[in-house]
mmCIF file of all heavy atoms, coordinates in Angstrom:
data_MODEL
# 
_entry.id   MODEL 
# 
loop_
_atom_site.group_PDB 
_atom_site.id 
_atom_site.type_symbol 
_atom_site.label_atom_id 
_atom_site.label_alt_id 
_atom_site.label_comp_id 
_atom_site.label_asym_id 
_atom_site.label_entity_id 
_atom_site.label_seq_id 
_atom_site.pdbx_PDB_ins_code 
_atom_site.Cartn_x 
_atom_site.Cartn_y 
_atom_site.Cartn_z 
_atom_site.occupancy 
_atom_site.B_iso_or_equiv 
_atom_site.pdbx_formal_charge 
_atom_site.auth_seq_id 
_atom_site.auth_comp_id 
_atom_site.auth_asym_id 
_atom_site.auth_atom_id 
_atom_site.pdbx_PDB_model_num 
ATOM 1   N N   . HIS A 1 1  ? -203.920 60.667 77.753 1.00 0.00 ? 1  HIS A N   1 
ATOM 2   C CA  . HIS A 1 1  ? -205.195 61.370 77.624 1.00 0.00 ? 1  HIS A CA  1 
ATOM 3   C C   . HIS A 1 1  ? -205.683 61.974 78.931 1.00 0.00 ? 1  HIS A C   1 
ATOM 4   O O   . HIS A 1 1  ? -206.663 62.717 78.934 1.00 0.00 ? 1  HIS A O   1 
ATOM 5   C CB  . HIS A 1 1  ? -206.256 60.426 77.060 1.00 0.00 ? 1  HIS A CB  1 
ATOM 6   C CG  . HIS A 1 1  ? -205.976 60.008 75.645 1.00 0.00 ? 1  HIS A CG  1 
ATOM 7   N ND1 . HIS A 1 1  ? -206.020 60.902 74.595 1.00 0.00 ? 1  HIS A ND1 1 
ATOM 8   C CD2 . HIS A 1 1  ? -205.606 58.809 75.110 1.00 0.00 ? 1  HIS A CD2 1 
ATOM 9   C CE1 . HIS A 1 1  ? -205.719 60.270 73.466 1.00 0.00 ? 1  HIS A CE1 1 
ATOM 10  N NE2 . HIS A 1 1  ? -205.462 59.006 73.751 1.00 0.00 ? 1  HIS A NE2 1 
ATOM 11  N N   . ASN A 1 2  ? -205.044 61.652 80.041 1.00 0.00 ? 2  ASN A N   1 
ATOM 12  C CA  . ASN A 1 2  ? -205.470 62.206 81.326 1.00 0.00 ? 2  ASN A CA  1 
ATOM 13  C C   . ASN A 1 2  ? -204.240 62.666 82.100 1.00 0.00 ? 2  ASN A C   1 
ATOM 14  O O   . ASN A 1 2  ? -203.571 61.854 82.729 1.00 0.00 ? 2  ASN A O   1 
ATOM 15  C CB  . ASN A 1 2  ? -206.234 61.155 82.140 1.00 0.00 ? 2  ASN A CB  1 
ATOM 16  C CG  . ASN A 1 2  ? -206.799 61.743 83.420 1.00 0.00 ? 2  ASN A CG  1 
ATOM 17  O OD1 . ASN A 1 2  ? -206.998 62.939 83.523 1.00 0.00 ? 2  ASN A OD1 1 
ATOM 18  N ND2 . ASN A 1 2  ? -207.042 60.884 84.411 1.00 0.00 ? 2  ASN A ND2 1 
ATOM 19  N N   . PRO A 1 3  ? -203.851 63.946 82.065 1.00 0.00 ? 3  PRO A N   1 
ATOM 20  C CA  . PRO A 1 3  ? -204.537 65.022 81.349 1.00 0.00 ? 3  PRO A CA  1 
ATOM 21  C C   . PRO A 1 3  ? -204.358 64.892 79.830 1.00 0.00 ? 3  PRO A C   1 
ATOM 22  O O   . PRO A 1 3  ? -203.566 64.067 79.376 1.00 0.00 ? 3  PRO A O   1 
ATOM 23  C CB  . PRO A 1 3  ? -203.851 66.280 81.871 1.00 0.00 ? 3  PRO A CB  1 
ATOM 24  C CG  . PRO A 1 3  ? -202.477 65.821 82.252 1.00 0.00 ? 3  PRO A CG  1 
ATOM 25  C CD  . PRO A 1 3  ? -202.639 64.428 82.772 1.00 0.00 ? 3  PRO A CD  1 
ATOM 26  N N   . SER A 1 4  ? -205.060 65.708 79.088 1.00 0.00 ? 4  SER A N   1 
ATOM 27  C CA  . SER A 1 4  ? -205.111 65.569 77.648 1.00 0.00 ? 4  SER A CA  1 
ATOM 28  C C   . SER A 1 4  ? -203.821 66.027 76.971 1.00 0.00 ? 4  SER A C   1 
ATOM 29  O O   . SER A 1 4  ? -203.538 67.214 76.909 1.00 0.00 ? 4  SER A O   1 
ATOM 30  C CB  . SER A 1 4  ? -206.293 66.366 77.082 1.00 0.00 ? 4  SER A CB  1 
ATOM 31  O OG  . SER A 1 4  ? -206.339 66.256 75.681 1.00 0.00 ? 4  SER A OG  1 
ATOM 32  N N   . ARG A 1 5  ? -203.026 65.069 76.495 1.00 0.00 ? 5  ARG A N   1 
ATOM 33  C CA  . ARG A 1 5  ? -201.808 65.310 75.708 1.00 0.00 ? 5  ARG A CA  1 
ATOM 34  C C   . ARG A 1 5  ? -200.895 66.358 76.349 1.00 0.00 ? 5  ARG A C   1 
ATOM 35  O O   . ARG A 1 5  ? -200.636 67.419 75.778 1.00 0.00 ? 5  ARG A O   1 
ATOM 36  C CB  . ARG A 1 5  ? -202.133 65.707 74.273 1.00 0.00 ? 5  ARG A CB  1 
ATOM 37  C CG  . ARG A 1 5  ? -203.015 64.763 73.491 1.00 0.00 ? 5  ARG A CG  1 
ATOM 38  C CD  . ARG A 1 5  ? -202.472 63.341 73.377 1.00 0.00 ? 5  ARG A CD  1 
ATOM 39  N NE  . ARG A 1 5  ? -201.178 63.220 72.743 1.00 0.00 ? 5  ARG A NE  1 
ATOM 40  C CZ  . ARG A 1 5  ? -200.990 63.036 71.431 1.00 0.00 ? 5  ARG A CZ  1 
ATOM 41  N NH1 . ARG A 1 5  ? -202.021 62.973 70.625 1.00 0.00 ? 5  ARG A NH1 1 
ATOM 42  N NH2 . ARG A 1 5  ? -199.771 62.880 70.941 1.00 0.00 ? 5  ARG A NH2 1 
ATOM 43  N N   . PRO A 1 6  ? -200.379 66.099 77.554 1.00 0.00 ? 6  PRO A N   1 
ATOM 44  C CA  . PRO A 1 6  ? -199.458 67.049 78.183 1.00 0.00 ? 6  PRO A CA  1 
ATOM 45  C C   . PRO A 1 6  ? -198.145 67.136 77.412 1.00 0.00 ? 6  PRO A C   1 
ATOM 46  O O   . PRO A 1 6  ? -197.758 66.189 76.710 1.00 0.00 ? 6  PRO A O   1 
ATOM 47  C CB  . PRO A 1 6  ? -199.229 66.447 79.569 1.00 0.00 ? 6  PRO A CB  1 
ATOM 48  C CG  . PRO A 1 6  ? -199.414 64.973 79.358 1.00 0.00 ? 6  PRO A CG  1 
ATOM 49  C CD  . PRO A 1 6  ? -200.517 64.861 78.330 1.00 0.00 ? 6  PRO A CD  1 
ATOM 50  N N   . TRP A 1 7  ? -197.444 68.261 77.551 1.00 0.00 ? 7  TRP A N   1 
ATOM 51  C CA  . TRP A 1 7  ? -196.166 68.432 76.845 1.00 0.00 ? 7  TRP A CA  1 
ATOM 52  C C   . TRP A 1 7  ? -195.178 67.343 77.250 1.00 0.00 ? 7  TRP A C   1 
ATOM 53  O O   . TRP A 1 7  ? -194.345 66.905 76.438 1.00 0.00 ? 7  TRP A O   1 
ATOM 54  C CB  . TRP A 1 7  ? -195.573 69.815 77.103 1.00 0.00 ? 7  TRP A CB  1 
ATOM 55  C CG  . TRP A 1 7  ? -195.193 70.093 78.530 1.00 0.00 ? 7  TRP A CG  1 
ATOM 56  C CD1 . TRP A 1 7  ? -195.973 70.700 79.477 1.00 0.00 ? 7  TRP A CD1 1 
ATOM 57  C CD2 . TRP A 1 7  ? -193.952 69.779 79.177 1.00 0.00 ? 7  TRP A CD2 1 
ATOM 58  N NE1 . TRP A 1 7  ? -195.300 70.770 80.683 1.00 0.00 ? 7  TRP A NE1 1 
ATOM 59  C CE2 . TRP A 1 7  ? -194.052 70.222 80.516 1.00 0.00 ? 7  TRP A CE2 1 
ATOM 60  C CE3 . TRP A 1 7  ? -192.771 69.172 78.762 1.00 0.00 ? 7  TRP A CE3 1 
ATOM 61  C CZ2 . TRP A 1 7  ? -193.022 70.070 81.442 1.00 0.00 ? 7  TRP A CZ2 1 
ATOM 62  C CZ3 . TRP A 1 7  ? -191.732 69.022 79.681 1.00 0.00 ? 7  TRP A CZ3 1 
ATOM 63  C CH2 . TRP A 1 7  ? -191.875 69.473 81.006 1.00 0.00 ? 7  TRP A CH2 1 
ATOM 64  N N   . TRP A 1 8  ? -195.258 66.862 78.502 1.00 0.00 ? 8  TRP A N   1 
ATOM 65  C CA  . TRP A 1 8  ? -194.242 65.938 78.982 1.00 0.00 ? 8  TRP A CA  1 
ATOM 66  C C   . TRP A 1 8  ? -194.428 64.508 78.494 1.00 0.00 ? 8  TRP A C   1 
ATOM 67  O O   . TRP A 1 8  ? -193.571 63.656 78.774 1.00 0.00 ? 8  TRP A O   1 
ATOM 68  C CB  . TRP A 1 8  ? -194.138 65.961 80.505 1.00 0.00 ? 8  TRP A CB  1 
ATOM 69  C CG  . TRP A 1 8  ? -195.419 66.021 81.280 1.00 0.00 ? 8  TRP A CG  1 
ATOM 70  C CD1 . TRP A 1 8  ? -195.996 67.128 81.833 1.00 0.00 ? 8  TRP A CD1 1 
ATOM 71  C CD2 . TRP A 1 8  ? -196.279 64.919 81.612 1.00 0.00 ? 8  TRP A CD2 1 
ATOM 72  N NE1 . TRP A 1 8  ? -197.153 66.788 82.499 1.00 0.00 ? 8  TRP A NE1 1 
ATOM 73  C CE2 . TRP A 1 8  ? -197.353 65.437 82.379 1.00 0.00 ? 8  TRP A CE2 1 
ATOM 74  C CE3 . TRP A 1 8  ? -196.240 63.539 81.349 1.00 0.00 ? 8  TRP A CE3 1 
ATOM 75  C CZ2 . TRP A 1 8  ? -198.383 64.636 82.867 1.00 0.00 ? 8  TRP A CZ2 1 
ATOM 76  C CZ3 . TRP A 1 8  ? -197.250 62.734 81.832 1.00 0.00 ? 8  TRP A CZ3 1 
ATOM 77  C CH2 . TRP A 1 8  ? -198.314 63.281 82.589 1.00 0.00 ? 8  TRP A CH2 1 
ATOM 78  N N   . GLU A 1 9  ? -195.490 64.227 77.735 1.00 0.00 ? 9  GLU A N   1 
ATOM 79  C CA  . GLU A 1 9  ? -195.574 62.872 77.162 1.00 0.00 ? 9  GLU A CA  1 
ATOM 80  C C   . GLU A 1 9  ? -194.421 62.630 76.192 1.00 0.00 ? 9  GLU A C   1 
ATOM 81  O O   . GLU A 1 9  ? -194.022 61.479 75.984 1.00 0.00 ? 9  GLU A O   1 
ATOM 82  C CB  . GLU A 1 9  ? -196.926 62.625 76.485 1.00 0.00 ? 9  GLU A CB  1 
ATOM 83  C CG  . GLU A 1 9  ? -197.130 63.337 75.166 1.00 0.00 ? 9  GLU A CG  1 
ATOM 84  C CD  . GLU A 1 9  ? -198.400 62.871 74.432 1.00 0.00 ? 9  GLU A CD  1 
ATOM 85  O OE1 . GLU A 1 9  ? -199.419 62.619 75.096 1.00 0.00 ? 9  GLU A OE1 1 
ATOM 86  O OE2 . GLU A 1 9  ? -198.346 62.782 73.192 1.00 0.00 ? 9  GLU A OE2 1 
ATOM 87  N N   . ARG A 1 10 ? -193.885 63.709 75.611 1.00 0.00 ? 10 ARG A N   1 
ATOM 88  C CA  . ARG A 1 10 ? -192.748 63.574 74.682 1.00 0.00 ? 10 ARG A CA  1 
ATOM 89  C C   . ARG A 1 10 ? -191.513 62.998 75.372 1.00 0.00 ? 10 ARG A C   1 
ATOM 90  O O   . ARG A 1 10 ? -190.570 62.545 74.704 1.00 0.00 ? 10 ARG A O   1 
ATOM 91  C CB  . ARG A 1 10 ? -192.401 64.930 74.060 1.00 0.00 ? 10 ARG A CB  1 
ATOM 92  C CG  . ARG A 1 10 ? -193.480 65.544 73.174 1.00 0.00 ? 10 ARG A CG  1 
ATOM 93  C CD  . ARG A 1 10 ? -193.632 64.828 71.842 1.00 0.00 ? 10 ARG A CD  1 
ATOM 94  N NE  . ARG A 1 10 ? -192.564 65.082 70.898 1.00 0.00 ? 10 ARG A NE  1 
ATOM 95  C CZ  . ARG A 1 10 ? -192.617 65.985 69.922 1.00 0.00 ? 10 ARG A CZ  1 
ATOM 96  N NH1 . ARG A 1 10 ? -193.693 66.748 69.779 1.00 0.00 ? 10 ARG A NH1 1 
ATOM 97  N NH2 . ARG A 1 10 ? -191.615 66.125 69.074 1.00 0.00 ? 10 ARG A NH2 1 
ATOM 98  N N   . TYR A 1 11 ? -191.486 63.060 76.705 1.00 0.00 ? 11 TYR A N   1 
ATOM 99  C CA  . TYR A 1 11 ? -190.331 62.574 77.468 1.00 0.00 ? 11 TYR A CA  1 
ATOM 100 C C   . TYR A 1 11 ? -190.583 61.181 78.045 1.00 0.00 ? 11 TYR A C   1 
ATOM 101 O O   . TYR A 1 11 ? -189.883 60.751 78.960 1.00 0.00 ? 11 TYR A O   1 
ATOM 102 C CB  . TYR A 1 11 ? -189.974 63.593 78.561 1.00 0.00 ? 11 TYR A CB  1 
ATOM 103 C CG  . TYR A 1 11 ? -189.423 64.855 77.936 1.00 0.00 ? 11 TYR A CG  1 
ATOM 104 C CD1 . TYR A 1 11 ? -190.276 65.852 77.466 1.00 0.00 ? 11 TYR A CD1 1 
ATOM 105 C CD2 . TYR A 1 11 ? -188.059 65.016 77.726 1.00 0.00 ? 11 TYR A CD2 1 
ATOM 106 C CE1 . TYR A 1 11 ? -189.783 66.978 76.828 1.00 0.00 ? 11 TYR A CE1 1 
ATOM 107 C CE2 . TYR A 1 11 ? -187.554 66.136 77.105 1.00 0.00 ? 11 TYR A CE2 1 
ATOM 108 C CZ  . TYR A 1 11 ? -188.420 67.111 76.648 1.00 0.00 ? 11 TYR A CZ  1 
ATOM 109 O OH  . TYR A 1 11 ? -187.919 68.227 76.014 1.00 0.00 ? 11 TYR A OH  1 
ATOM 110 N N   . GLN A 1 12 ? -191.552 60.449 77.457 1.00 0.00 ? 12 GLN A N   1 
ATOM 111 C CA  . GLN A 1 12 ? -191.845 59.078 77.869 1.00 0.00 ? 12 GLN A CA  1 
ATOM 112 C C   . GLN A 1 12 ? -191.787 58.165 76.641 1.00 0.00 ? 12 GLN A C   1 
ATOM 113 O O   . GLN A 1 12 ? -192.808 57.867 76.010 1.00 0.00 ? 12 GLN A O   1 
ATOM 114 C CB  . GLN A 1 12 ? -193.216 59.005 78.547 1.00 0.00 ? 12 GLN A CB  1 
ATOM 115 C CG  . GLN A 1 12 ? -193.296 59.863 79.803 1.00 0.00 ? 12 GLN A CG  1 
ATOM 116 C CD  . GLN A 1 12 ? -194.265 59.320 80.828 1.00 0.00 ? 12 GLN A CD  1 
ATOM 117 O OE1 . GLN A 1 12 ? -194.585 58.130 80.857 1.00 0.00 ? 12 GLN A OE1 1 
ATOM 118 N NE2 . GLN A 1 12 ? -194.737 60.187 81.702 1.00 0.00 ? 12 GLN A NE2 1 
ATOM 119 N N   . PRO A 1 13 ? -190.585 57.714 76.274 1.00 0.00 ? 13 PRO A N   1 
ATOM 120 C CA  . PRO A 1 13 ? -190.412 56.938 75.043 1.00 0.00 ? 13 PRO A CA  1 
ATOM 121 C C   . PRO A 1 13 ? -191.087 55.568 75.085 1.00 0.00 ? 13 PRO A C   1 
ATOM 122 O O   . PRO A 1 13 ? -191.192 54.933 76.140 1.00 0.00 ? 13 PRO A O   1 
ATOM 123 C CB  . PRO A 1 13 ? -188.891 56.766 74.940 1.00 0.00 ? 13 PRO A CB  1 
ATOM 124 C CG  . PRO A 1 13 ? -188.310 57.844 75.808 1.00 0.00 ? 13 PRO A CG  1 
ATOM 125 C CD  . PRO A 1 13 ? -189.290 58.027 76.908 1.00 0.00 ? 13 PRO A CD  1 
ATOM 126 N N   . ILE A 1 14 ? -191.521 55.139 73.910 1.00 0.00 ? 14 ILE A N   1 
ATOM 127 C CA  . ILE A 1 14 ? -192.019 53.777 73.689 1.00 0.00 ? 14 ILE A CA  1 
ATOM 128 C C   . ILE A 1 14 ? -191.076 53.021 72.761 1.00 0.00 ? 14 ILE A C   1 
ATOM 129 O O   . ILE A 1 14 ? -190.866 51.822 72.896 1.00 0.00 ? 14 ILE A O   1 
ATOM 130 C CB  . ILE A 1 14 ? -193.448 53.806 73.090 1.00 0.00 ? 14 ILE A CB  1 
ATOM 131 C CG1 . ILE A 1 14 ? -194.424 54.401 74.112 1.00 0.00 ? 14 ILE A CG1 1 
ATOM 132 C CG2 . ILE A 1 14 ? -193.891 52.422 72.633 1.00 0.00 ? 14 ILE A CG2 1 
ATOM 133 C CD1 . ILE A 1 14 ? -194.551 53.617 75.404 1.00 0.00 ? 14 ILE A CD1 1 
ATOM 134 N N   . SER A 1 15 ? -190.503 53.738 71.792 1.00 0.00 ? 15 SER A N   1 
ATOM 135 C CA  . SER A 1 15 ? -189.517 53.132 70.894 1.00 0.00 ? 15 SER A CA  1 
ATOM 136 C C   . SER A 1 15 ? -188.642 54.243 70.333 1.00 0.00 ? 15 SER A C   1 
ATOM 137 O O   . SER A 1 15 ? -188.800 55.408 70.700 1.00 0.00 ? 15 SER A O   1 
ATOM 138 C CB  . SER A 1 15 ? -190.217 52.391 69.743 1.00 0.00 ? 15 SER A CB  1 
ATOM 139 O OG  . SER A 1 15 ? -190.658 53.318 68.754 1.00 0.00 ? 15 SER A OG  1 
ATOM 140 N N   . TYR A 1 16 ? -187.733 53.883 69.444 1.00 0.00 ? 16 TYR A N   1 
ATOM 141 C CA  . TYR A 1 16 ? -186.872 54.863 68.777 1.00 0.00 ? 16 TYR A CA  1 
ATOM 142 C C   . TYR A 1 16 ? -187.304 55.116 67.340 1.00 0.00 ? 16 TYR A C   1 
ATOM 143 O O   . TYR A 1 16 ? -186.548 55.682 66.536 1.00 0.00 ? 16 TYR A O   1 
ATOM 144 C CB  . TYR A 1 16 ? -185.418 54.420 68.855 1.00 0.00 ? 16 TYR A CB  1 
ATOM 145 C CG  . TYR A 1 16 ? -184.918 54.291 70.291 1.00 0.00 ? 16 TYR A CG  1 
ATOM 146 C CD1 . TYR A 1 16 ? -184.228 53.167 70.711 1.00 0.00 ? 16 TYR A CD1 1 
ATOM 147 C CD2 . TYR A 1 16 ? -185.173 55.294 71.221 1.00 0.00 ? 16 TYR A CD2 1 
ATOM 148 C CE1 . TYR A 1 16 ? -183.785 53.042 72.019 1.00 0.00 ? 16 TYR A CE1 1 
ATOM 149 C CE2 . TYR A 1 16 ? -184.742 55.185 72.540 1.00 0.00 ? 16 TYR A CE2 1 
ATOM 150 C CZ  . TYR A 1 16 ? -184.050 54.057 72.930 1.00 0.00 ? 16 TYR A CZ  1 
ATOM 151 O OH  . TYR A 1 16 ? -183.624 53.949 74.240 1.00 0.00 ? 16 TYR A OH  1 
ATOM 152 N N   . LYS A 1 17 ? -188.524 54.711 67.005 1.00 0.00 ? 17 LYS A N   1 
ATOM 153 C CA  . LYS A 1 17 ? -189.091 55.082 65.706 1.00 0.00 ? 17 LYS A CA  1 
ATOM 154 C C   . LYS A 1 17 ? -189.322 56.591 65.678 1.00 0.00 ? 17 LYS A C   1 
ATOM 155 O O   . LYS A 1 17 ? -189.681 57.192 66.695 1.00 0.00 ? 17 LYS A O   1 
ATOM 156 C CB  . LYS A 1 17 ? -190.424 54.369 65.486 1.00 0.00 ? 17 LYS A CB  1 
ATOM 157 C CG  . LYS A 1 17 ? -190.345 52.856 65.386 1.00 0.00 ? 17 LYS A CG  1 
ATOM 158 C CD  . LYS A 1 17 ? -191.755 52.279 65.232 1.00 0.00 ? 17 LYS A CD  1 
ATOM 159 C CE  . LYS A 1 17 ? -191.740 50.769 65.169 1.00 0.00 ? 17 LYS A CE  1 
ATOM 160 N NZ  . LYS A 1 17 ? -193.128 50.217 65.078 1.00 0.00 ? 17 LYS A NZ  1 
ATOM 161 N N   . LEU A 1 18 ? -189.164 57.191 64.512 1.00 0.00 ? 18 LEU A N   1 
ATOM 162 C CA  . LEU A 1 18 ? -189.328 58.641 64.392 1.00 0.00 ? 18 LEU A CA  1 
ATOM 163 C C   . LEU A 1 18 ? -190.762 58.959 63.983 1.00 0.00 ? 18 LEU A C   1 
ATOM 164 O O   . LEU A 1 18 ? -191.075 59.078 62.798 1.00 0.00 ? 18 LEU A O   1 
ATOM 165 C CB  . LEU A 1 18 ? -188.327 59.208 63.390 1.00 0.00 ? 18 LEU A CB  1 
ATOM 166 C CG  . LEU A 1 18 ? -186.855 58.958 63.717 1.00 0.00 ? 18 LEU A CG  1 
ATOM 167 C CD1 . LEU A 1 18 ? -185.956 59.606 62.682 1.00 0.00 ? 18 LEU A CD1 1 
ATOM 168 C CD2 . LEU A 1 18 ? -186.504 59.472 65.108 1.00 0.00 ? 18 LEU A CD2 1 
ATOM 169 N N   . CYS A 1 19 ? -191.644 59.072 64.968 1.00 0.00 ? 19 CYS A N   1 
ATOM 170 C CA  . CYS A 1 19 ? -193.003 59.527 64.694 1.00 0.00 ? 19 CYS A CA  1 
ATOM 171 C C   . CYS A 1 19 ? -193.616 60.020 66.002 1.00 0.00 ? 19 CYS A C   1 
ATOM 172 O O   . CYS A 1 19 ? -193.681 59.285 66.980 1.00 0.00 ? 19 CYS A O   1 
ATOM 173 C CB  . CYS A 1 19 ? -193.859 58.454 64.038 1.00 0.00 ? 19 CYS A CB  1 
ATOM 174 S SG  . CYS A 1 19 ? -193.996 56.911 64.939 1.00 0.00 ? 19 CYS A SG  1 
ATOM 175 N N   . THR A 1 20 ? -194.023 61.291 65.977 1.00 0.00 ? 20 THR A N   1 
ATOM 176 C CA  . THR A 1 20 ? -194.633 61.940 67.129 1.00 0.00 ? 20 THR A CA  1 
ATOM 177 C C   . THR A 1 20 ? -195.782 62.789 66.618 1.00 0.00 ? 20 THR A C   1 
ATOM 178 O O   . THR A 1 20 ? -196.074 62.808 65.408 1.00 0.00 ? 20 THR A O   1 
ATOM 179 C CB  . THR A 1 20 ? -193.636 62.856 67.852 1.00 0.00 ? 20 THR A CB  1 
ATOM 180 O OG1 . THR A 1 20 ? -193.314 63.955 66.976 1.00 0.00 ? 20 THR A OG1 1 
ATOM 181 C CG2 . THR A 1 20 ? -192.354 62.117 68.221 1.00 0.00 ? 20 THR A CG2 1 
ATOM 182 N N   . ARG A 1 21 ? -196.400 63.544 67.520 1.00 0.00 ? 21 ARG A N   1 
ATOM 183 C CA  . ARG A 1 21 ? -197.463 64.446 67.079 1.00 0.00 ? 21 ARG A CA  1 
ATOM 184 C C   . ARG A 1 21 ? -196.918 65.563 66.188 1.00 0.00 ? 21 ARG A C   1 
ATOM 185 O O   . ARG A 1 21 ? -197.681 66.286 65.549 1.00 0.00 ? 21 ARG A O   1 
ATOM 186 C CB  . ARG A 1 21 ? -198.214 65.009 68.282 1.00 0.00 ? 21 ARG A CB  1 
ATOM 187 C CG  . ARG A 1 21 ? -197.401 65.887 69.187 1.00 0.00 ? 21 ARG A CG  1 
ATOM 188 C CD  . ARG A 1 21 ? -198.106 66.192 70.499 1.00 0.00 ? 21 ARG A CD  1 
ATOM 189 N NE  . ARG A 1 21 ? -199.417 66.798 70.310 1.00 0.00 ? 21 ARG A NE  1 
ATOM 190 C CZ  . ARG A 1 21 ? -200.160 67.290 71.294 1.00 0.00 ? 21 ARG A CZ  1 
ATOM 191 N NH1 . ARG A 1 21 ? -199.716 67.267 72.538 1.00 0.00 ? 21 ARG A NH1 1 
ATOM 192 N NH2 . ARG A 1 21 ? -201.337 67.832 71.054 1.00 0.00 ? 21 ARG A NH2 1 
ATOM 193 N N   . SER A 1 22 ? -195.579 65.710 66.139 1.00 0.00 ? 22 SER A N   1 
ATOM 194 C CA  . SER A 1 22 ? -194.976 66.716 65.255 1.00 0.00 ? 22 SER A CA  1 
ATOM 195 C C   . SER A 1 22 ? -194.819 66.222 63.826 1.00 0.00 ? 22 SER A C   1 
ATOM 196 O O   . SER A 1 22 ? -194.610 67.023 62.913 1.00 0.00 ? 22 SER A O   1 
ATOM 197 C CB  . SER A 1 22 ? -193.594 67.135 65.779 1.00 0.00 ? 22 SER A CB  1 
ATOM 198 O OG  . SER A 1 22 ? -193.710 67.783 67.025 1.00 0.00 ? 22 SER A OG  1 
ATOM 199 N N   . GLY A 1 23 ? -194.884 64.889 63.620 1.00 0.00 ? 23 GLY A N   1 
ATOM 200 C CA  . GLY A 1 23 ? -194.736 64.369 62.265 1.00 0.00 ? 23 GLY A CA  1 
ATOM 201 C C   . GLY A 1 23 ? -194.060 63.012 62.240 1.00 0.00 ? 23 GLY A C   1 
ATOM 202 O O   . GLY A 1 23 ? -193.647 62.476 63.277 1.00 0.00 ? 23 GLY A O   1 
ATOM 203 N N   . ASN A 1 24 ? -193.924 62.454 61.023 1.00 0.00 ? 24 ASN A N   1 
ATOM 204 C CA  . ASN A 1 24 ? -193.325 61.132 60.862 1.00 0.00 ? 24 ASN A CA  1 
ATOM 205 C C   . ASN A 1 24 ? -191.871 61.254 60.387 1.00 0.00 ? 24 ASN A C   1 
ATOM 206 O O   . ASN A 1 24 ? -191.345 62.363 60.235 1.00 0.00 ? 24 ASN A O   1 
ATOM 207 C CB  . ASN A 1 24 ? -194.151 60.285 59.898 1.00 0.00 ? 24 ASN A CB  1 
ATOM 208 C CG  . ASN A 1 24 ? -194.280 60.930 58.517 1.00 0.00 ? 24 ASN A CG  1 
ATOM 209 O OD1 . ASN A 1 24 ? -193.391 61.647 58.059 1.00 0.00 ? 24 ASN A OD1 1 
ATOM 210 N ND2 . ASN A 1 24 ? -195.398 60.657 57.837 1.00 0.00 ? 24 ASN A ND2 1 
# 
C-alpha cells in the first residue's frame, strides 16, 4: 500500500496459489 499497489508487487511471492489482482 505504500506506494499504492505498485506493478512490482507481482514479483514478490507469498505462495504458489493462483490468485492475484488479475483474478483467481
